[in-house]
Amino acid sequence: MLETLMGNTTISLTDFLLPVGASLVLGLIISLVHMYKNRCTGSFLGALALLPAIVCAVIMAVNGNIGAGVAVAGAFSLVRFRSAPGTAREITALFTAMAAGLMTGMGFILYAGVFVLVIGGATLVCRYLELSSDRAADLRRSLRITIPEDLDYTGVFDDILAEYTKEHKLISSKTTNMGSMFKLTYDITLDKNRSEKEFIDKLRCRNGNLEIAISAVKVNEDQLL
């Protein structure tokens, strides 16, 4: 059983290496979980693997001293003042790594291991749900249709949209070409079982073969600003 380090002014080499080694293993696990089906740089993965050991060493160095509070607060403030804005996933991984280092530095190695396994499992479940959501988002489109001025656009395409999309909503309508035409913008979710070309062909027959544009919807990155 690892003896609690709190209140000790000196520790043995074994008592120092055991938490640091455990922190490195936990950091590697956190890095592997973070890189699973996720775009990330090698430098960030390396920093993520080393961070628990660094926090662990800092906590052991100041344990039992009032400086511990200052050290912990300073370590967590690094998340906010990173040179590049981080995504929600990166912020979560950094806090997990620092929490693991804090627990091992306080001597709670077993609890730190359980914590990392639980958070890692929850992260993988969330990643699976995100991938499922991304597949549904791939069917979202922005549809822009030009129609002549004398065509009443209110509900003129509703039957076609209902047939070829799962959801559709008119976002905006504006005049163009000196008021002789209208431009309609729809937010739609395509039906994956229907042909997109056939969908556009039917719209062309309805709008007099004027311009039709369909494009993917740009989804905002999960970036924390």
Protein backbone atom coordinates (compact mmCIF):
# COMPACT_ATOMS: atom_id res chain seq x y z
CA MET A 1 0.00 0.00 0.00
CA LEU A 2 1.42 3.35 -1.00
CA GLU A 3 1.82 5.56 2.03
CA THR A 4 0.28 9.03 1.81
CA LEU A 5 2.91 11.67 1.05
CA MET A 6 1.09 14.56 2.72
CA GLY A 7 3.12 16.18 5.44
CA ASN A 8 6.41 14.51 4.49
CA THR A 9 9.30 16.76 3.61
CA THR A 10 11.24 14.00 1.85
CA ILE A 11 10.18 10.90 -0.06
CA SER A 12 12.04 7.82 -1.20
CA LEU A 13 12.97 7.26 -4.83
CA THR A 14 10.50 4.39 -5.06
CA ASP A 15 7.67 6.51 -3.67
CA PHE A 16 8.52 9.13 -6.27
CA LEU A 17 8.89 6.85 -9.30
CA LEU A 18 5.74 4.81 -8.68
CA PRO A 19 3.24 7.71 -9.00
CA VAL A 20 5.19 9.26 -11.88
CA GLY A 21 5.32 5.94 -13.74
CA ALA A 22 1.61 5.39 -13.14
CA SER A 23 0.94 8.93 -14.41
CA LEU A 24 2.85 8.20 -17.62
CA VAL A 25 0.81 5.04 -18.21
CA LEU A 26 -2.45 6.90 -17.57
CA GLY A 27 -1.32 9.72 -19.85
CA LEU A 28 -0.65 7.21 -22.62
CA ILE A 29 -4.14 5.74 -22.17
CA ILE A 30 -5.69 9.21 -22.33
CA SER A 31 -3.75 9.96 -25.53
CA LEU A 32 -4.86 6.70 -27.17
CA VAL A 33 -8.48 7.40 -26.29
CA HIS A 34 -8.22 10.97 -27.59
CA MET A 35 -6.74 9.93 -30.95
CA TYR A 36 -9.46 7.33 -31.61
CA LYS A 37 -11.25 8.53 -34.79
CA ASN A 38 -10.23 12.10 -34.00
CA ARG A 39 -7.98 14.52 -35.89
CA CYS A 40 -5.09 15.65 -33.69
CA THR A 41 -1.42 16.53 -33.96
CA GLY A 42 1.43 14.38 -32.69
CA SER A 43 2.72 17.21 -30.51
CA PHE A 44 -0.63 17.47 -28.72
CA LEU A 45 -0.75 13.71 -28.13
CA GLY A 46 2.77 13.82 -26.72
CA ALA A 47 1.92 16.70 -24.42
CA LEU A 48 -1.24 14.90 -23.32
CA ALA A 49 0.75 11.77 -22.44
CA LEU A 50 3.32 13.72 -20.39
CA LEU A 51 0.96 16.13 -18.66
CA PRO A 52 -0.23 13.77 -15.87
CA ALA A 53 3.38 13.01 -14.88
CA ILE A 54 4.25 16.71 -14.82
CA VAL A 55 1.24 17.59 -12.66
CA CYS A 56 2.01 14.59 -10.43
CA ALA A 57 5.60 15.78 -9.87
CA VAL A 58 4.45 19.33 -9.09
CA ILE A 59 1.87 18.11 -6.56
CA MET A 60 4.40 15.84 -4.85
CA ALA A 61 6.94 18.66 -4.71
CA VAL A 62 4.61 21.07 -2.89
CA ASN A 63 2.38 18.61 -1.00
CA GLY A 64 1.59 19.75 2.52
CA ASN A 65 2.51 23.33 1.66
CA ILE A 66 0.27 26.32 0.99
CA GLY A 67 1.93 26.54 -2.41
CA ALA A 68 -0.04 23.46 -3.48
CA GLY A 69 -3.16 25.52 -4.03
CA VAL A 70 -1.24 28.06 -6.10
CA ALA A 71 0.40 25.29 -8.16
CA VAL A 72 -2.91 23.57 -8.93
CA ALA A 73 -4.61 26.84 -9.87
CA GLY A 74 -1.65 27.76 -12.09
CA ALA A 75 -1.68 24.39 -13.83
CA PHE A 76 -5.38 24.59 -14.63
CA SER A 77 -5.04 28.18 -15.86
CA LEU A 78 -2.72 26.92 -18.60
CA VAL A 79 -5.78 25.53 -20.36
CA ARG A 80 -7.27 28.99 -20.77
CA PHE A 81 -4.09 30.69 -21.94
CA ARG A 82 -2.87 28.24 -24.57
CA SER A 83 -1.52 29.98 -27.66
CA ALA A 84 -4.10 28.32 -29.96
CA PRO A 85 -7.82 28.00 -29.21
CA GLY A 86 -8.73 24.46 -28.25
CA THR A 87 -11.67 22.36 -29.22
CA ALA A 88 -14.08 20.97 -26.67
CA ARG A 89 -12.46 17.54 -27.03
CA GLU A 90 -8.98 18.94 -26.38
CA ILE A 91 -10.10 20.87 -23.31
CA THR A 92 -11.77 17.74 -21.91
CA ALA A 93 -8.66 15.64 -22.55
CA LEU A 94 -6.42 18.24 -20.87
CA PHE A 95 -8.59 18.42 -17.77
CA THR A 96 -8.70 14.61 -17.61
CA ALA A 97 -4.91 14.41 -17.84
CA MET A 98 -4.42 17.03 -15.13
CA ALA A 99 -6.99 15.42 -12.85
CA ALA A 100 -5.21 12.07 -13.24
CA GLY A 101 -1.86 13.69 -12.43
CA LEU A 102 -3.35 15.42 -9.41
CA MET A 103 -4.75 12.14 -8.05
CA THR A 104 -1.53 10.19 -8.55
CA GLY A 105 0.46 13.03 -7.01
CA MET A 106 -1.73 12.83 -3.90
CA GLY A 107 -1.08 9.07 -3.72
CA PHE A 108 -4.45 7.87 -5.02
CA ILE A 109 -3.03 5.78 -7.87
CA LEU A 110 -5.78 3.16 -7.89
CA TYR A 111 -8.50 5.81 -7.93
CA ALA A 112 -6.69 7.64 -10.71
CA GLY A 113 -6.65 4.46 -12.80
CA VAL A 114 -10.36 3.87 -12.23
CA PHE A 115 -11.07 7.51 -13.06
CA VAL A 116 -9.18 7.35 -16.38
CA LEU A 117 -10.86 4.08 -17.38
CA VAL A 118 -14.33 5.42 -16.59
CA ILE A 119 -13.74 8.73 -18.39
CA GLY A 120 -12.08 6.92 -21.31
CA GLY A 121 -15.04 4.57 -21.68
CA ALA A 122 -17.49 7.48 -21.52
CA THR A 123 -15.42 9.34 -24.13
CA LEU A 124 -15.56 6.39 -26.53
CA VAL A 125 -19.34 6.14 -26.11
CA CYS A 126 -19.69 9.87 -26.79
CA ARG A 127 -17.40 9.55 -29.83
CA TYR A 128 -19.64 6.79 -31.22
CA LEU A 129 -22.70 8.99 -30.75
CA GLU A 130 -20.90 11.90 -32.43
CA LEU A 131 -20.03 9.74 -35.45
CA SER A 132 -23.67 8.68 -35.75
CA SER A 133 -24.70 12.33 -35.60
CA ASP A 134 -22.09 13.26 -38.22
CA ARG A 135 -23.47 10.66 -40.63
CA ALA A 136 -26.91 12.23 -40.31
CA ALA A 137 -25.39 15.71 -40.75
CA ASP A 138 -23.81 14.59 -44.05
CA LEU A 139 -27.29 14.59 -45.59
CA ARG A 140 -27.95 18.23 -44.74
CA ARG A 141 -27.91 20.60 -47.70
CA SER A 142 -28.47 24.23 -48.51
CA LEU A 143 -30.79 24.51 -51.52
CA ARG A 144 -31.01 27.74 -53.55
CA ILE A 145 -33.65 28.03 -56.25
CA THR A 146 -34.21 30.90 -58.68
CA ILE A 147 -37.81 31.37 -59.83
CA PRO A 148 -39.53 33.90 -62.13
CA GLU A 149 -41.31 36.86 -60.57
CA ASP A 150 -44.79 35.69 -61.54
CA LEU A 151 -44.45 32.30 -59.80
CA ASP A 152 -45.92 32.25 -56.29
CA TYR A 153 -43.17 30.60 -54.26
CA THR A 154 -45.41 29.91 -51.25
CA GLY A 155 -45.59 26.14 -51.15
CA VAL A 156 -44.77 25.77 -54.85
CA PHE A 157 -42.08 23.13 -54.16
CA ASP A 158 -43.60 21.53 -51.05
CA ASP A 159 -44.70 18.30 -52.75
CA ILE A 160 -41.28 17.72 -54.33
CA LEU A 161 -39.47 18.57 -51.10
CA ALA A 162 -41.70 16.22 -49.13
CA GLU A 163 -40.94 13.42 -51.59
CA TYR A 164 -37.14 13.78 -51.71
CA THR A 165 -36.23 15.16 -48.29
CA LYS A 166 -36.74 14.14 -44.70
CA GLU A 167 -36.89 17.74 -43.49
CA HIS A 168 -37.10 21.06 -45.28
CA LYS A 169 -37.50 24.67 -44.26
CA LEU A 170 -37.59 27.92 -46.23
CA ILE A 171 -34.83 30.08 -44.76
CA SER A 172 -34.97 33.18 -46.92
CA SER A 173 -36.42 34.70 -50.08
CA LYS A 174 -35.15 37.76 -51.92
CA THR A 175 -35.55 39.50 -55.24
CA THR A 176 -32.79 39.52 -57.84
CA ASN A 177 -32.11 40.67 -61.41
CA MET A 178 -33.81 44.06 -60.94
CA GLY A 179 -36.79 42.44 -59.22
CA SER A 180 -37.64 40.14 -62.15
CA MET A 181 -36.76 36.99 -60.21
CA PHE A 182 -36.80 35.55 -56.70
CA LYS A 183 -34.05 33.56 -55.00
CA LEU A 184 -35.24 31.05 -52.40
CA THR A 185 -32.96 29.39 -49.87
CA TYR A 186 -34.01 26.17 -48.14
CA ASP A 187 -32.37 24.17 -45.36
CA ILE A 188 -33.04 20.54 -46.23
CA THR A 189 -32.08 17.02 -45.13
CA LEU A 190 -31.96 14.67 -48.09
CA ASP A 191 -33.57 11.24 -48.13
CA LYS A 192 -30.62 8.90 -48.65
CA ASN A 193 -32.84 6.47 -50.56
CA ARG A 194 -33.74 9.01 -53.26
CA SER A 195 -31.67 10.28 -56.19
CA GLU A 196 -30.31 13.80 -55.77
CA LYS A 197 -30.14 14.31 -59.56
CA GLU A 198 -33.75 13.24 -59.97
CA PHE A 199 -34.65 15.68 -57.19
CA ILE A 200 -32.95 18.57 -59.02
CA ASP A 201 -34.51 17.59 -62.36
CA LYS A 202 -38.00 17.81 -60.87
CA LEU A 203 -37.21 21.21 -59.38
CA ARG A 204 -35.97 22.42 -62.78
CA CYS A 205 -39.28 21.48 -64.37
CA ARG A 206 -41.10 23.50 -61.73
CA ASN A 207 -38.92 26.66 -61.80
CA GLY A 208 -38.66 27.01 -65.58
CA ASN A 209 -35.12 25.58 -65.80
CA LEU A 210 -33.61 28.54 -63.99
CA GLU A 211 -30.58 28.29 -61.72
CA ILE A 212 -30.64 25.72 -58.90
CA ALA A 213 -27.73 25.27 -56.48
CA ILE A 214 -27.40 22.62 -53.80
CA SER A 215 -24.45 22.50 -51.43
CA ALA A 216 -23.37 20.93 -48.17
CA VAL A 217 -24.08 22.86 -45.00
CA LYS A 218 -20.95 24.03 -43.25
CA VAL A 219 -21.11 22.81 -39.67
CA ASN A 220 -19.39 24.95 -37.05
CA GLU A 221 -16.34 23.39 -35.46
CA ASP A 222 -16.62 22.44 -31.81
CA GLN A 223 -14.16 25.18 -30.89
CA LEU A 224 -14.20 27.03 -27.60
CA LEU A 225 -13.41 30.70 -28.10
